[in-house]
Amino acid sequence: MRNVELKVEGMHCPKCVAKTKAALEAVPGVRNVEVSLEEGKATLEAGVVASDDKLVAAVEGVGFKASVA
């Protein structure tokens, strides 16, 4: 497992945080997801199958811009 931090742009409310967290938790190999509205970031643990591209795609799939920090 590796620690990953994603910069997430476009979140405005707790519902946005919940959508982002759920999208990341749905990626195989991801655990311990924490999303901060105030800091505009998500931190998580990712296994080998959870590539950076898959993590970014999951966040962008629910309508937010993401990049690996």
Protein backbone atom coordinates (compact mmCIF):
# COMPACT_ATOMS: atom_id res chain seq x y z
CA MET A 1 0.00 0.00 0.00
CA ARG A 2 1.07 3.53 -0.69
CA ASN A 3 -0.24 6.85 0.56
CA VAL A 4 -1.73 9.11 -2.09
CA GLU A 5 -2.85 12.71 -1.91
CA LEU A 6 -5.10 14.15 -4.59
CA LYS A 7 -5.86 17.81 -5.15
CA VAL A 8 -9.60 18.07 -5.80
CA GLU A 9 -11.10 21.20 -7.34
CA GLY A 10 -14.78 22.11 -7.51
CA MET A 11 -16.11 20.76 -4.21
CA HIS A 12 -18.45 23.25 -2.53
CA CYS A 13 -20.41 21.35 0.14
CA PRO A 14 -20.55 18.22 2.29
CA LYS A 15 -22.47 16.40 -0.46
CA CYS A 16 -19.52 17.00 -2.81
CA VAL A 17 -17.21 15.49 -0.20
CA ALA A 18 -19.45 12.44 0.16
CA LYS A 19 -19.58 11.92 -3.64
CA THR A 20 -15.81 12.18 -3.91
CA LYS A 21 -15.22 9.80 -1.00
CA ALA A 22 -17.67 7.23 -2.38
CA ALA A 23 -16.09 7.40 -5.85
CA LEU A 24 -12.62 6.78 -4.46
CA GLU A 25 -13.79 3.98 -2.16
CA ALA A 26 -15.30 2.24 -5.19
CA VAL A 27 -11.86 1.90 -6.82
CA PRO A 28 -10.48 -1.60 -6.15
CA GLY A 29 -7.45 -1.52 -3.85
CA VAL A 30 -8.36 1.74 -2.10
CA ARG A 31 -8.89 2.12 1.64
CA ASN A 32 -8.85 4.74 4.39
CA VAL A 33 -10.20 7.58 2.25
CA GLU A 34 -10.38 11.01 3.84
CA VAL A 35 -11.67 14.03 1.91
CA SER A 36 -11.25 17.62 3.11
CA LEU A 37 -13.53 20.31 1.72
CA GLU A 38 -11.51 23.06 3.41
CA GLU A 39 -8.18 21.87 2.02
CA GLY A 40 -9.56 20.72 -1.34
CA LYS A 41 -7.86 17.36 -1.12
CA ALA A 42 -8.32 13.65 -0.67
CA THR A 43 -5.88 11.34 1.07
CA LEU A 44 -6.01 7.57 0.88
CA GLU A 45 -4.11 4.31 0.82
CA ALA A 46 -3.88 2.62 -2.57
CA GLY A 47 -2.75 -0.84 -3.59
CA VAL A 48 -0.99 -1.66 -6.85
CA VAL A 49 -4.23 -2.07 -8.81
CA ALA A 50 -5.34 1.48 -7.89
CA SER A 51 -3.21 3.51 -10.31
CA ASP A 52 -3.07 7.29 -10.15
CA ASP A 53 -4.99 7.42 -13.44
CA LYS A 54 -7.83 5.34 -11.98
CA LEU A 55 -8.01 7.55 -8.89
CA VAL A 56 -8.13 10.76 -10.94
CA ALA A 57 -10.72 9.22 -13.28
CA ALA A 58 -12.93 8.25 -10.33
CA VAL A 59 -12.98 11.81 -9.00
CA GLU A 60 -13.48 13.33 -12.43
CA GLY A 61 -16.28 10.83 -13.04
CA VAL A 62 -18.36 12.51 -10.34
CA GLY A 63 -17.73 16.00 -11.72
CA PHE A 64 -14.61 17.37 -10.04
CA LYS A 65 -11.14 18.11 -11.35
CA ALA A 66 -8.38 16.05 -9.74
CA SER A 67 -4.62 15.67 -9.86
CA VAL A 68 -2.03 13.84 -7.81
CA ALA A 69 -0.48 16.27 -5.35
